[in-house]
Amino acid sequence: MKDNNSKQILLSVLGVAILVVAVVGVSFAAFSYSKTGTKVNTITTGTITMNYVEAENAINLTNALPMTDAVGKALADENQYFDFTVSANITGTTTINYAITATKEDSTLPDTAVKVYLTDMDSDADEEILAPTKISELTTTTAGETSGAPEGQYELTTGTFSATSSHDYRLRMWVADDYSVTGSAATYKLKVNVYGAAAAQ
């Protein structure tokens, strides 16, 4: 008889304890749920990257001869252009402003002697973005660029991403046909950079 009473008391105590835990648990769950709707959380992060197949993000001219724009625009051998991809990984509603810039590396040719030509290679379109332009005539970046690009770099093009995507580009470079190359050590090296920053919300 005592055994039965002990079991009943134990079951009763256990039942009350389970009931208390259930009530507390439900109350806590309801409290936690009501708190989640009190604040709007916005994610405004994003990243931008540049990918390229060459060993470095640069294009070089070595002992090149002057050529017309028509010939330069048609350069099609693998070592005559620089292909690269700009990609953005967007989370939330971020808009990323980006700029593709260039900086001159060790070179013997002046900026007035070299032309660049940038095309859009999405779906192999090869559509003109930047017409053949002498380096000396390119716009340079200024302080406070929305893309975050530092001051004093040559600007090739700018754009925006509002969703995760990518763009393919091709850069060609040649010696302008109005420049007389003297000597055999005519070189020019242009380093390509990509900068990106989230637009103000």
C-alpha atoms as a PDB file:
ATOM      1  CA  MET A   1       0.000   0.000   0.000  1.00  0.00           C
ATOM      2  CA  LYS A   2       2.821   2.351   0.943  1.00  0.00           C
ATOM      3  CA  ASP A   3       4.428   1.522  -2.394  1.00  0.00           C
ATOM      4  CA  ASN A   4       1.299   2.581  -4.293  1.00  0.00           C
ATOM      5  CA  ASN A   5       1.024   5.818  -2.300  1.00  0.00           C
ATOM      6  CA  SER A   6       4.698   6.584  -2.902  1.00  0.00           C
ATOM      7  CA  LYS A   7       4.269   5.987  -6.609  1.00  0.00           C
ATOM      8  CA  GLN A   8       1.172   8.197  -6.736  1.00  0.00           C
ATOM      9  CA  ILE A   9       2.935  10.991  -4.846  1.00  0.00           C
ATOM     10  CA  LEU A  10       5.967  10.661  -7.083  1.00  0.00           C
ATOM     11  CA  LEU A  11       3.791  10.708 -10.228  1.00  0.00           C
ATOM     12  CA  SER A  12       1.843  13.694  -8.894  1.00  0.00           C
ATOM     13  CA  VAL A  13       5.023  15.622  -8.117  1.00  0.00           C
ATOM     14  CA  LEU A  14       6.425  14.689 -11.517  1.00  0.00           C
ATOM     15  CA  GLY A  15       3.175  15.734 -13.209  1.00  0.00           C
ATOM     16  CA  VAL A  16       3.204  19.122 -11.429  1.00  0.00           C
ATOM     17  CA  ALA A  17       6.878  19.626 -12.307  1.00  0.00           C
ATOM     18  CA  ILE A  18       6.210  18.821 -15.986  1.00  0.00           C
ATOM     19  CA  LEU A  19       3.226  21.187 -15.963  1.00  0.00           C
ATOM     20  CA  VAL A  20       5.355  23.996 -14.448  1.00  0.00           C
ATOM     21  CA  VAL A  21       8.115  23.410 -17.008  1.00  0.00           C
ATOM     22  CA  ALA A  22       5.563  23.385 -19.854  1.00  0.00           C
ATOM     23  CA  VAL A  23       3.936  26.633 -18.673  1.00  0.00           C
ATOM     24  CA  VAL A  24       7.301  28.352 -18.229  1.00  0.00           C
ATOM     25  CA  GLY A  25       8.480  27.023 -21.594  1.00  0.00           C
ATOM     26  CA  VAL A  26       5.339  28.235 -23.403  1.00  0.00           C
ATOM     27  CA  SER A  27       5.553  31.628 -21.696  1.00  0.00           C
ATOM     28  CA  PHE A  28       9.228  31.963 -22.653  1.00  0.00           C
ATOM     29  CA  ALA A  29       8.519  30.918 -26.247  1.00  0.00           C
ATOM     30  CA  ALA A  30       5.674  33.441 -26.528  1.00  0.00           C
ATOM     31  CA  PHE A  31       7.892  36.168 -25.023  1.00  0.00           C
ATOM     32  CA  SER A  32      10.753  35.361 -27.379  1.00  0.00           C
ATOM     33  CA  TYR A  33       8.479  35.344 -30.420  1.00  0.00           C
ATOM     34  CA  SER A  34       6.914  38.701 -29.579  1.00  0.00           C
ATOM     35  CA  LYS A  35      10.390  40.274 -29.334  1.00  0.00           C
ATOM     36  CA  THR A  36      11.471  39.212 -32.831  1.00  0.00           C
ATOM     37  CA  GLY A  37       9.026  41.551 -34.519  1.00  0.00           C
ATOM     38  CA  THR A  38       9.993  44.689 -32.609  1.00  0.00           C
ATOM     39  CA  LYS A  39      13.135  45.549 -34.610  1.00  0.00           C
ATOM     40  CA  VAL A  40      13.761  45.488 -38.368  1.00  0.00           C
ATOM     41  CA  ASN A  41      17.160  43.996 -39.213  1.00  0.00           C
ATOM     42  CA  THR A  42      18.654  45.020 -42.543  1.00  0.00           C
ATOM     43  CA  ILE A  43      21.702  43.356 -44.061  1.00  0.00           C
ATOM     44  CA  THR A  44      23.732  45.790 -46.115  1.00  0.00           C
ATOM     45  CA  THR A  45      26.894  43.840 -46.806  1.00  0.00           C
ATOM     46  CA  GLY A  46      28.368  42.884 -50.119  1.00  0.00           C
ATOM     47  CA  THR A  47      31.698  41.972 -51.640  1.00  0.00           C
ATOM     48  CA  ILE A  48      33.291  42.637 -54.992  1.00  0.00           C
ATOM     49  CA  THR A  49      36.090  40.643 -56.576  1.00  0.00           C
ATOM     50  CA  MET A  50      38.155  40.621 -59.741  1.00  0.00           C
ATOM     51  CA  ASN A  51      39.181  37.354 -61.368  1.00  0.00           C
ATOM     52  CA  TYR A  52      41.609  36.889 -64.240  1.00  0.00           C
ATOM     53  CA  VAL A  53      43.332  33.988 -65.927  1.00  0.00           C
ATOM     54  CA  GLU A  54      46.709  35.648 -66.482  1.00  0.00           C
ATOM     55  CA  ALA A  55      49.489  35.384 -63.884  1.00  0.00           C
ATOM     56  CA  GLU A  56      48.954  39.011 -62.818  1.00  0.00           C
ATOM     57  CA  ASN A  57      46.394  41.772 -63.263  1.00  0.00           C
ATOM     58  CA  ALA A  58      48.440  43.675 -65.835  1.00  0.00           C
ATOM     59  CA  ILE A  59      48.838  44.121 -69.571  1.00  0.00           C
ATOM     60  CA  ASN A  60      52.256  44.713 -71.158  1.00  0.00           C
ATOM     61  CA  LEU A  61      53.624  46.167 -74.391  1.00  0.00           C
ATOM     62  CA  THR A  62      57.174  45.190 -75.313  1.00  0.00           C
ATOM     63  CA  ASN A  63      58.877  46.371 -78.495  1.00  0.00           C
ATOM     64  CA  ALA A  64      55.450  47.001 -80.054  1.00  0.00           C
ATOM     65  CA  LEU A  65      55.093  48.949 -83.272  1.00  0.00           C
ATOM     66  CA  PRO A  66      52.526  51.733 -83.778  1.00  0.00           C
ATOM     67  CA  MET A  67      49.183  50.695 -85.267  1.00  0.00           C
ATOM     68  CA  THR A  68      45.881  52.253 -86.282  1.00  0.00           C
ATOM     69  CA  ASP A  69      42.793  52.079 -84.096  1.00  0.00           C
ATOM     70  CA  ALA A  70      41.132  49.703 -86.565  1.00  0.00           C
ATOM     71  CA  VAL A  71      44.012  47.229 -86.210  1.00  0.00           C
ATOM     72  CA  GLY A  72      44.259  47.706 -82.431  1.00  0.00           C
ATOM     73  CA  LYS A  73      40.535  47.093 -81.895  1.00  0.00           C
ATOM     74  CA  ALA A  74      40.810  43.820 -83.822  1.00  0.00           C
ATOM     75  CA  LEU A  75      43.725  42.367 -81.807  1.00  0.00           C
ATOM     76  CA  ALA A  76      42.639  38.779 -81.199  1.00  0.00           C
ATOM     77  CA  ASP A  77      45.679  36.674 -80.336  1.00  0.00           C
ATOM     78  CA  GLU A  78      45.743  35.417 -76.749  1.00  0.00           C
ATOM     79  CA  ASN A  79      48.797  37.510 -75.828  1.00  0.00           C
ATOM     80  CA  GLN A  80      47.328  40.701 -77.308  1.00  0.00           C
ATOM     81  CA  TYR A  81      44.545  41.370 -74.814  1.00  0.00           C
ATOM     82  CA  PHE A  82      43.751  41.051 -71.117  1.00  0.00           C
ATOM     83  CA  ASP A  83      40.511  39.317 -70.052  1.00  0.00           C
ATOM     84  CA  PHE A  84      39.097  39.708 -66.559  1.00  0.00           C
ATOM     85  CA  THR A  85      35.837  39.316 -64.664  1.00  0.00           C
ATOM     86  CA  VAL A  86      34.328  41.587 -62.025  1.00  0.00           C
ATOM     87  CA  SER A  87      31.927  39.809 -59.678  1.00  0.00           C
ATOM     88  CA  ALA A  88      29.717  40.963 -56.834  1.00  0.00           C
ATOM     89  CA  ASN A  89      28.262  38.853 -54.065  1.00  0.00           C
ATOM     90  CA  ILE A  90      25.289  40.822 -52.739  1.00  0.00           C
ATOM     91  CA  THR A  91      23.493  40.038 -49.502  1.00  0.00           C
ATOM     92  CA  GLY A  92      20.257  41.891 -48.784  1.00  0.00           C
ATOM     93  CA  THR A  93      19.447  45.103 -50.637  1.00  0.00           C
ATOM     94  CA  THR A  94      22.955  46.497 -51.032  1.00  0.00           C
ATOM     95  CA  THR A  95      23.980  48.387 -54.171  1.00  0.00           C
ATOM     96  CA  ILE A  96      27.713  48.334 -54.889  1.00  0.00           C
ATOM     97  CA  ASN A  97      29.345  51.098 -56.917  1.00  0.00           C
ATOM     98  CA  TYR A  98      32.506  49.879 -58.620  1.00  0.00           C
ATOM     99  CA  ALA A  99      35.282  51.333 -60.734  1.00  0.00           C
ATOM    100  CA  ILE A 100      37.803  49.652 -63.001  1.00  0.00           C
ATOM    101  CA  THR A 101      41.004  51.658 -62.897  1.00  0.00           C
ATOM    102  CA  ALA A 102      44.573  51.346 -64.124  1.00  0.00           C
ATOM    103  CA  THR A 103      47.957  52.420 -62.867  1.00  0.00           C
ATOM    104  CA  LYS A 104      51.153  52.729 -64.877  1.00  0.00           C
ATOM    105  CA  GLU A 105      53.993  50.439 -63.833  1.00  0.00           C
ATOM    106  CA  ASP A 106      57.655  50.515 -65.000  1.00  0.00           C
ATOM    107  CA  SER A 107      57.506  51.809 -68.588  1.00  0.00           C
ATOM    108  CA  THR A 108      59.700  53.600 -71.107  1.00  0.00           C
ATOM    109  CA  LEU A 109      56.892  54.872 -73.356  1.00  0.00           C
ATOM    110  CA  PRO A 110      55.046  58.072 -72.377  1.00  0.00           C
ATOM    111  CA  ASP A 111      51.278  58.099 -71.676  1.00  0.00           C
ATOM    112  CA  THR A 112      50.762  60.026 -74.923  1.00  0.00           C
ATOM    113  CA  ALA A 113      52.114  57.059 -76.930  1.00  0.00           C
ATOM    114  CA  VAL A 114      49.753  54.325 -75.739  1.00  0.00           C
ATOM    115  CA  LYS A 115      46.060  53.671 -76.389  1.00  0.00           C
ATOM    116  CA  VAL A 116      43.633  51.437 -74.502  1.00  0.00           C
ATOM    117  CA  TYR A 117      40.334  49.942 -75.613  1.00  0.00           C
ATOM    118  CA  LEU A 118      37.871  48.264 -73.205  1.00  0.00           C
ATOM    119  CA  THR A 119      35.026  46.007 -74.308  1.00  0.00           C
ATOM    120  CA  ASP A 120      32.175  44.118 -72.669  1.00  0.00           C
ATOM    121  CA  MET A 121      32.677  40.372 -73.111  1.00  0.00           C
ATOM    122  CA  ASP A 122      29.424  39.153 -71.521  1.00  0.00           C
ATOM    123  CA  SER A 123      28.238  36.344 -73.812  1.00  0.00           C
ATOM    124  CA  ASP A 124      31.361  37.032 -75.947  1.00  0.00           C
ATOM    125  CA  ALA A 125      29.758  40.265 -77.195  1.00  0.00           C
ATOM    126  CA  ASP A 126      33.033  42.268 -77.484  1.00  0.00           C
ATOM    127  CA  GLU A 127      31.007  45.503 -77.362  1.00  0.00           C
ATOM    128  CA  GLU A 128      32.806  48.798 -76.912  1.00  0.00           C
ATOM    129  CA  ILE A 129      32.757  50.368 -73.449  1.00  0.00           C
ATOM    130  CA  LEU A 130      35.768  52.666 -73.766  1.00  0.00           C
ATOM    131  CA  ALA A 131      36.666  53.829 -77.279  1.00  0.00           C
ATOM    132  CA  PRO A 132      40.370  53.777 -78.222  1.00  0.00           C
ATOM    133  CA  THR A 133      41.819  56.456 -75.924  1.00  0.00           C
ATOM    134  CA  LYS A 134      45.351  57.573 -75.147  1.00  0.00           C
ATOM    135  CA  ILE A 135      46.372  56.959 -71.546  1.00  0.00           C
ATOM    136  CA  SER A 136      47.160  60.673 -71.228  1.00  0.00           C
ATOM    137  CA  GLU A 137      43.527  61.513 -72.105  1.00  0.00           C
ATOM    138  CA  LEU A 138      41.866  59.198 -69.567  1.00  0.00           C
ATOM    139  CA  THR A 139      39.997  60.704 -66.628  1.00  0.00           C
ATOM    140  CA  THR A 140      41.745  60.193 -63.308  1.00  0.00           C
ATOM    141  CA  THR A 141      40.000  59.335 -60.071  1.00  0.00           C
ATOM    142  CA  THR A 142      39.521  62.024 -57.438  1.00  0.00           C
ATOM    143  CA  ALA A 143      39.181  61.995 -53.664  1.00  0.00           C
ATOM    144  CA  GLY A 144      35.822  60.751 -52.392  1.00  0.00           C
ATOM    145  CA  GLU A 145      35.000  58.381 -55.267  1.00  0.00           C
ATOM    146  CA  THR A 146      31.736  56.482 -54.588  1.00  0.00           C
ATOM    147  CA  SER A 147      33.540  53.271 -55.564  1.00  0.00           C
ATOM    148  CA  GLY A 148      36.241  53.786 -52.967  1.00  0.00           C
ATOM    149  CA  ALA A 149      38.944  54.037 -55.648  1.00  0.00           C
ATOM    150  CA  PRO A 150      42.004  55.996 -54.493  1.00  0.00           C
ATOM    151  CA  GLU A 151      42.847  59.337 -56.030  1.00  0.00           C
ATOM    152  CA  GLY A 152      45.027  59.641 -59.122  1.00  0.00           C
ATOM    153  CA  GLN A 153      44.324  56.369 -60.974  1.00  0.00           C
ATOM    154  CA  TYR A 154      43.247  56.147 -64.617  1.00  0.00           C
ATOM    155  CA  GLU A 155      39.523  55.399 -64.838  1.00  0.00           C
ATOM    156  CA  LEU A 156      38.542  52.824 -67.464  1.00  0.00           C
ATOM    157  CA  THR A 157      34.852  52.445 -66.566  1.00  0.00           C
ATOM    158  CA  THR A 158      32.415  52.457 -63.651  1.00  0.00           C
ATOM    159  CA  GLY A 159      29.244  50.540 -62.863  1.00  0.00           C
ATOM    160  CA  THR A 160      26.905  49.256 -60.179  1.00  0.00           C
ATOM    161  CA  PHE A 161      25.723  45.895 -58.906  1.00  0.00           C
ATOM    162  CA  SER A 162      22.373  45.541 -57.140  1.00  0.00           C
ATOM    163  CA  ALA A 163      22.296  41.737 -57.181  1.00  0.00           C
ATOM    164  CA  THR A 164      24.829  38.927 -57.179  1.00  0.00           C
ATOM    165  CA  SER A 165      26.223  38.797 -60.713  1.00  0.00           C
ATOM    166  CA  SER A 166      29.371  39.265 -62.780  1.00  0.00           C
ATOM    167  CA  HIS A 167      30.642  41.055 -65.891  1.00  0.00           C
ATOM    168  CA  ASP A 168      33.384  39.957 -68.278  1.00  0.00           C
ATOM    169  CA  TYR A 169      35.742  42.533 -69.785  1.00  0.00           C
ATOM    170  CA  ARG A 170      38.541  42.607 -72.352  1.00  0.00           C
ATOM    171  CA  LEU A 171      41.264  45.255 -72.397  1.00  0.00           C
ATOM    172  CA  ARG A 172      43.463  45.855 -75.450  1.00  0.00           C
ATOM    173  CA  MET A 173      46.457  48.181 -75.567  1.00  0.00           C
ATOM    174  CA  TRP A 174      48.714  49.349 -78.401  1.00  0.00           C
ATOM    175  CA  VAL A 175      51.130  52.052 -79.480  1.00  0.00           C
ATOM    176  CA  ALA A 176      49.287  54.929 -81.154  1.00  0.00           C
ATOM    177  CA  ASP A 177      49.942  55.370 -84.872  1.00  0.00           C
ATOM    178  CA  ASP A 178      50.950  59.030 -84.392  1.00  0.00           C
ATOM    179  CA  TYR A 179      53.887  58.123 -82.153  1.00  0.00           C
ATOM    180  CA  SER A 180      57.358  57.370 -83.525  1.00  0.00           C
ATOM    181  CA  VAL A 181      59.016  54.564 -81.612  1.00  0.00           C
ATOM    182  CA  THR A 182      62.775  55.010 -81.290  1.00  0.00           C
ATOM    183  CA  GLY A 183      65.072  52.289 -79.993  1.00  0.00           C
ATOM    184  CA  SER A 184      64.209  48.693 -79.190  1.00  0.00           C
ATOM    185  CA  ALA A 185      63.384  48.988 -75.483  1.00  0.00           C
ATOM    186  CA  ALA A 186      59.899  50.496 -75.895  1.00  0.00           C
ATOM    187  CA  THR A 187      57.798  49.099 -73.050  1.00  0.00           C
ATOM    188  CA  TYR A 188      54.584  49.993 -71.286  1.00  0.00           C
ATOM    189  CA  LYS A 189      52.874  48.171 -68.407  1.00  0.00           C
ATOM    190  CA  LEU A 190      49.401  48.913 -67.106  1.00  0.00           C
ATOM    191  CA  LYS A 191      48.078  47.343 -63.913  1.00  0.00           C
ATOM    192  CA  VAL A 192      44.291  46.890 -63.767  1.00  0.00           C
ATOM    193  CA  ASN A 193      42.449  47.368 -60.472  1.00  0.00           C
ATOM    194  CA  VAL A 194      38.838  47.054 -59.346  1.00  0.00           C
ATOM    195  CA  TYR A 195      37.378  48.936 -56.383  1.00  0.00           C
ATOM    196  CA  GLY A 196      33.892  48.647 -54.937  1.00  0.00           C
ATOM    197  CA  ALA A 197      31.934  50.204 -52.109  1.00  0.00           C
ATOM    198  CA  ALA A 198      28.361  49.917 -50.885  1.00  0.00           C
ATOM    199  CA  ALA A 199      26.218  52.880 -51.920  1.00  0.00           C
ATOM    200  CA  ALA A 200      24.777  55.058 -49.172  1.00  0.00           C
ATOM    201  CA  GLN A 201      21.408  53.712 -48.016  1.00  0.00           C
END
